[in-house]
């Protein structure tokens, strides 16, 4: 999946981190949360583009 800096993404933790959902901009994911990208690759987190 390609992550765009200006787009908003829904991050579904699917049982990890309390099973919650966050909405985070692509730029923030790329710069501050690289572990989210690794978890998406491992299937632990679901990432969906919102806009």
PDB file of N, CA and C in Angstrom:
ATOM      1  N   UNK A   1       0.851  -1.182   0.000  1.00  0.00           N
ATOM      2  CA  UNK A   1       0.000   0.000   0.000  1.00  0.00           C
ATOM      3  C   UNK A   1       0.891   1.238   0.000  1.00  0.00           C
ATOM      4  N   UNK A   2       0.542   2.179  -0.803  1.00  0.00           N
ATOM      5  CA  UNK A   2       1.272   3.442  -0.854  1.00  0.00           C
ATOM      6  C   UNK A   2       0.632   4.432   0.118  1.00  0.00           C
ATOM      7  N   UNK A   3       1.458   5.124   0.892  1.00  0.00           N
ATOM      8  CA  UNK A   3       0.971   6.089   1.870  1.00  0.00           C
ATOM      9  C   UNK A   3       1.262   7.497   1.359  1.00  0.00           C
ATOM     10  N   UNK A   4       0.217   8.287   1.204  1.00  0.00           N
ATOM     11  CA  UNK A   4       0.345   9.660   0.739  1.00  0.00           C
ATOM     12  C   UNK A   4       0.393  10.603   1.931  1.00  0.00           C
ATOM     13  N   UNK A   5       1.274  11.585   1.880  1.00  0.00           N
ATOM     14  CA  UNK A   5       1.482  12.505   3.000  1.00  0.00           C
ATOM     15  C   UNK A   5       0.247  13.336   3.329  1.00  0.00           C
ATOM     16  N   UNK A   6      -0.519  13.730   2.328  1.00  0.00           N
ATOM     17  CA  UNK A   6      -1.644  14.645   2.542  1.00  0.00           C
ATOM     18  C   UNK A   6      -2.958  13.941   2.847  1.00  0.00           C
ATOM     19  N   UNK A   7      -3.015  12.623   2.733  1.00  0.00           N
ATOM     20  CA  UNK A   7      -4.265  11.888   2.935  1.00  0.00           C
ATOM     21  C   UNK A   7      -4.448  11.498   4.395  1.00  0.00           C
ATOM     22  N   UNK A   8      -5.707  11.298   4.767  1.00  0.00           N
ATOM     23  CA  UNK A   8      -6.059  10.866   6.110  1.00  0.00           C
ATOM     24  C   UNK A   8      -6.275   9.354   6.082  1.00  0.00           C
ATOM     25  N   UNK A   9      -5.759   8.669   7.092  1.00  0.00           N
ATOM     26  CA  UNK A   9      -5.867   7.221   7.160  1.00  0.00           C
ATOM     27  C   UNK A   9      -6.536   6.798   8.450  1.00  0.00           C
ATOM     28  N   UNK A  10      -7.344   5.744   8.347  1.00  0.00           N
ATOM     29  CA  UNK A  10      -7.976   5.128   9.516  1.00  0.00           C
ATOM     30  C   UNK A  10      -7.083   3.972   9.920  1.00  0.00           C
ATOM     31  N   UNK A  11      -6.626   3.993  11.164  1.00  0.00           N
ATOM     32  CA  UNK A  11      -5.739   2.963  11.686  1.00  0.00           C
ATOM     33  C   UNK A  11      -6.542   2.115  12.665  1.00  0.00           C
ATOM     34  N   UNK A  12      -6.803   0.859  12.284  1.00  0.00           N
ATOM     35  CA  UNK A  12      -7.562  -0.071  13.117  1.00  0.00           C
ATOM     36  C   UNK A  12      -6.574  -1.058  13.734  1.00  0.00           C
ATOM     37  N   UNK A  13      -6.436  -0.985  15.058  1.00  0.00           N
ATOM     38  CA  UNK A  13      -5.421  -1.768  15.746  1.00  0.00           C
ATOM     39  C   UNK A  13      -5.782  -3.238  15.927  1.00  0.00           C
ATOM     40  N   UNK A  14      -7.012  -3.648  15.602  1.00  0.00           N
ATOM     41  CA  UNK A  14      -7.440  -5.051  15.578  1.00  0.00           C
ATOM     42  C   UNK A  14      -6.996  -5.858  16.801  1.00  0.00           C
ATOM     43  N   UNK A  15      -7.298  -5.381  17.985  1.00  0.00           N
ATOM     44  CA  UNK A  15      -6.994  -6.145  19.187  1.00  0.00           C
ATOM     45  C   UNK A  15      -5.710  -5.722  19.885  1.00  0.00           C
ATOM     46  N   UNK A  16      -4.742  -5.188  19.147  1.00  0.00           N
ATOM     47  CA  UNK A  16      -3.533  -4.672  19.781  1.00  0.00           C
ATOM     48  C   UNK A  16      -3.796  -3.249  20.237  1.00  0.00           C
ATOM     49  N   UNK A  17      -3.117  -2.788  21.220  1.00  0.00           N
ATOM     50  CA  UNK A  17      -3.264  -1.429  21.744  1.00  0.00           C
ATOM     51  C   UNK A  17      -4.716  -1.135  22.125  1.00  0.00           C
ATOM     52  N   UNK A  18      -5.396  -2.119  22.674  1.00  0.00           N
ATOM     53  CA  UNK A  18      -6.768  -1.923  23.126  1.00  0.00           C
ATOM     54  C   UNK A  18      -7.818  -2.082  22.042  1.00  0.00           C
ATOM     55  N   UNK A  19      -7.428  -2.431  20.832  1.00  0.00           N
ATOM     56  CA  UNK A  19      -8.386  -2.629  19.753  1.00  0.00           C
ATOM     57  C   UNK A  19      -9.081  -1.359  19.309  1.00  0.00           C
ATOM     58  N   UNK A  20      -8.409  -0.241  19.428  1.00  0.00           N
ATOM     59  CA  UNK A  20      -9.025   1.040  19.107  1.00  0.00           C
ATOM     60  C   UNK A  20      -8.800   1.436  17.649  1.00  0.00           C
ATOM     61  N   UNK A  21      -9.352   2.596  17.291  1.00  0.00           N
ATOM     62  CA  UNK A  21      -9.225   3.144  15.940  1.00  0.00           C
ATOM     63  C   UNK A  21      -8.751   4.586  16.057  1.00  0.00           C
ATOM     64  N   UNK A  22      -7.786   4.961  15.222  1.00  0.00           N
ATOM     65  CA  UNK A  22      -7.297   6.339  15.148  1.00  0.00           C
ATOM     66  C   UNK A  22      -7.409   6.826  13.718  1.00  0.00           C
ATOM     67  N   UNK A  23      -7.448   8.140  13.563  1.00  0.00           N
ATOM     68  CA  UNK A  23      -7.372   8.759  12.244  1.00  0.00           C
ATOM     69  C   UNK A  23      -6.112   9.617  12.234  1.00  0.00           C
ATOM     70  N   UNK A  24      -5.179   9.294  11.330  1.00  0.00           N
ATOM     71  CA  UNK A  24      -3.873   9.931  11.317  1.00  0.00           C
ATOM     72  C   UNK A  24      -3.505  10.313   9.883  1.00  0.00           C
ATOM     73  N   UNK A  25      -2.912  11.483   9.697  1.00  0.00           N
ATOM     74  CA  UNK A  25      -2.437  11.920   8.382  1.00  0.00           C
ATOM     75  C   UNK A  25      -1.229  11.078   7.955  1.00  0.00           C
ATOM     76  N   UNK A  26      -1.090  10.874   6.673  1.00  0.00           N
ATOM     77  CA  UNK A  26       0.005  10.083   6.134  1.00  0.00           C
ATOM     78  C   UNK A  26       1.375  10.617   6.511  1.00  0.00           C
ATOM     79  N   UNK A  27       1.538  11.923   6.530  1.00  0.00           N
ATOM     80  CA  UNK A  27       2.824  12.526   6.892  1.00  0.00           C
ATOM     81  C   UNK A  27       3.219  12.155   8.317  1.00  0.00           C
ATOM     82  N   UNK A  28       2.264  12.165   9.227  1.00  0.00           N
ATOM     83  CA  UNK A  28       2.531  11.818  10.619  1.00  0.00           C
ATOM     84  C   UNK A  28       2.911  10.342  10.739  1.00  0.00           C
ATOM     85  N   UNK A  29       2.222   9.486   9.994  1.00  0.00           N
ATOM     86  CA  UNK A  29       2.555   8.059  10.009  1.00  0.00           C
ATOM     87  C   UNK A  29       3.983   7.850   9.523  1.00  0.00           C
ATOM     88  N   UNK A  30       4.342   8.491   8.427  1.00  0.00           N
ATOM     89  CA  UNK A  30       5.671   8.303   7.853  1.00  0.00           C
ATOM     90  C   UNK A  30       6.779   8.850   8.740  1.00  0.00           C
ATOM     91  N   UNK A  31       6.553   9.987   9.377  1.00  0.00           N
ATOM     92  CA  UNK A  31       7.612  10.626  10.160  1.00  0.00           C
ATOM     93  C   UNK A  31       7.647  10.186  11.616  1.00  0.00           C
ATOM     94  N   UNK A  32       6.506   9.943  12.225  1.00  0.00           N
ATOM     95  CA  UNK A  32       6.473   9.707  13.672  1.00  0.00           C
ATOM     96  C   UNK A  32       6.136   8.272  14.071  1.00  0.00           C
ATOM     97  N   UNK A  33       5.471   7.526  13.206  1.00  0.00           N
ATOM     98  CA  UNK A  33       5.015   6.188  13.580  1.00  0.00           C
ATOM     99  C   UNK A  33       5.432   5.127  12.558  1.00  0.00           C
ATOM    100  N   UNK A  34       6.726   4.931  12.345  1.00  0.00           N
ATOM    101  CA  UNK A  34       7.146   3.903  11.370  1.00  0.00           C
ATOM    102  C   UNK A  34       6.759   2.487  11.800  1.00  0.00           C
ATOM    103  N   UNK A  35       6.524   2.276  13.096  1.00  0.00           N
ATOM    104  CA  UNK A  35       6.115   0.950  13.573  1.00  0.00           C
ATOM    105  C   UNK A  35       4.736   0.566  13.052  1.00  0.00           C
ATOM    106  N   UNK A  36       3.901   1.560  12.724  1.00  0.00           N
ATOM    107  CA  UNK A  36       2.581   1.270  12.154  1.00  0.00           C
ATOM    108  C   UNK A  36       2.747   0.595  10.791  1.00  0.00           C
ATOM    109  N   UNK A  37       3.685   1.076   9.998  1.00  0.00           N
ATOM    110  CA  UNK A  37       3.928   0.496   8.669  1.00  0.00           C
ATOM    111  C   UNK A  37       4.367  -0.955   8.794  1.00  0.00           C
ATOM    112  N   UNK A  38       5.244  -1.248   9.741  1.00  0.00           N
ATOM    113  CA  UNK A  38       5.692  -2.625   9.967  1.00  0.00           C
ATOM    114  C   UNK A  38       4.543  -3.518  10.424  1.00  0.00           C
ATOM    115  N   UNK A  39       3.686  -2.988  11.306  1.00  0.00           N
ATOM    116  CA  UNK A  39       2.554  -3.764  11.807  1.00  0.00           C
ATOM    117  C   UNK A  39       1.533  -4.036  10.701  1.00  0.00           C
ATOM    118  N   UNK A  40       1.356  -3.096   9.790  1.00  0.00           N
ATOM    119  CA  UNK A  40       0.459  -3.302   8.643  1.00  0.00           C
ATOM    120  C   UNK A  40       1.008  -4.421   7.764  1.00  0.00           C
ATOM    121  N   UNK A  41       2.312  -4.422   7.531  1.00  0.00           N
ATOM    122  CA  UNK A  41       2.945  -5.466   6.717  1.00  0.00           C
ATOM    123  C   UNK A  41       2.794  -6.845   7.364  1.00  0.00           C
ATOM    124  N   UNK A  42       2.784  -6.887   8.701  1.00  0.00           N
ATOM    125  CA  UNK A  42       2.640  -8.148   9.431  1.00  0.00           C
ATOM    126  C   UNK A  42       1.181  -8.556   9.613  1.00  0.00           C
ATOM    127  N   UNK A  43       0.237  -7.697   9.244  1.00  0.00           N
ATOM    128  CA  UNK A  43      -1.178  -8.002   9.370  1.00  0.00           C
ATOM    129  C   UNK A  43      -1.753  -7.733  10.751  1.00  0.00           C
ATOM    130  N   UNK A  44      -1.016  -7.037  11.608  1.00  0.00           N
ATOM    131  CA  UNK A  44      -1.477  -6.751  12.964  1.00  0.00           C
ATOM    132  C   UNK A  44      -2.382  -5.522  13.020  1.00  0.00           C
ATOM    133  N   UNK A  45      -2.226  -4.621  12.054  1.00  0.00           N
ATOM    134  CA  UNK A  45      -2.995  -3.378  12.003  1.00  0.00           C
ATOM    135  C   UNK A  45      -3.566  -3.228  10.596  1.00  0.00           C
ATOM    136  N   UNK A  46      -4.786  -2.702  10.514  1.00  0.00           N
ATOM    137  CA  UNK A  46      -5.416  -2.454   9.216  1.00  0.00           C
ATOM    138  C   UNK A  46      -5.380  -0.942   8.951  1.00  0.00           C
ATOM    139  N   UNK A  47      -4.901  -0.566   7.788  1.00  0.00           N
ATOM    140  CA  UNK A  47      -4.778   0.839   7.408  1.00  0.00           C
ATOM    141  C   UNK A  47      -5.666   1.090   6.197  1.00  0.00           C
ATOM    142  N   UNK A  48      -6.564   2.079   6.299  1.00  0.00           N
ATOM    143  CA  UNK A  48      -7.509   2.396   5.230  1.00  0.00           C
ATOM    144  C   UNK A  48      -7.460   3.888   4.933  1.00  0.00           C
ATOM    145  N   UNK A  49      -7.386   4.254   3.656  1.00  0.00           N
ATOM    146  CA  UNK A  49      -7.381   5.674   3.265  1.00  0.00           C
ATOM    147  C   UNK A  49      -8.803   6.222   3.385  1.00  0.00           C
ATOM    148  N   UNK A  50      -8.939   7.363   4.079  1.00  0.00           N
ATOM    149  CA  UNK A  50     -10.254   7.967   4.298  1.00  0.00           C
ATOM    150  C   UNK A  50     -10.557   9.015   3.233  1.00  0.00           C
ATOM    151  N   UNK A  51      -9.631   9.941   2.984  1.00  0.00           N
ATOM    152  CA  UNK A  51      -9.868  10.963   1.938  1.00  0.00           C
ATOM    153  C   UNK A  51      -8.674  11.168   1.080  1.00  0.00           C
TER     154      UNK A  51
END
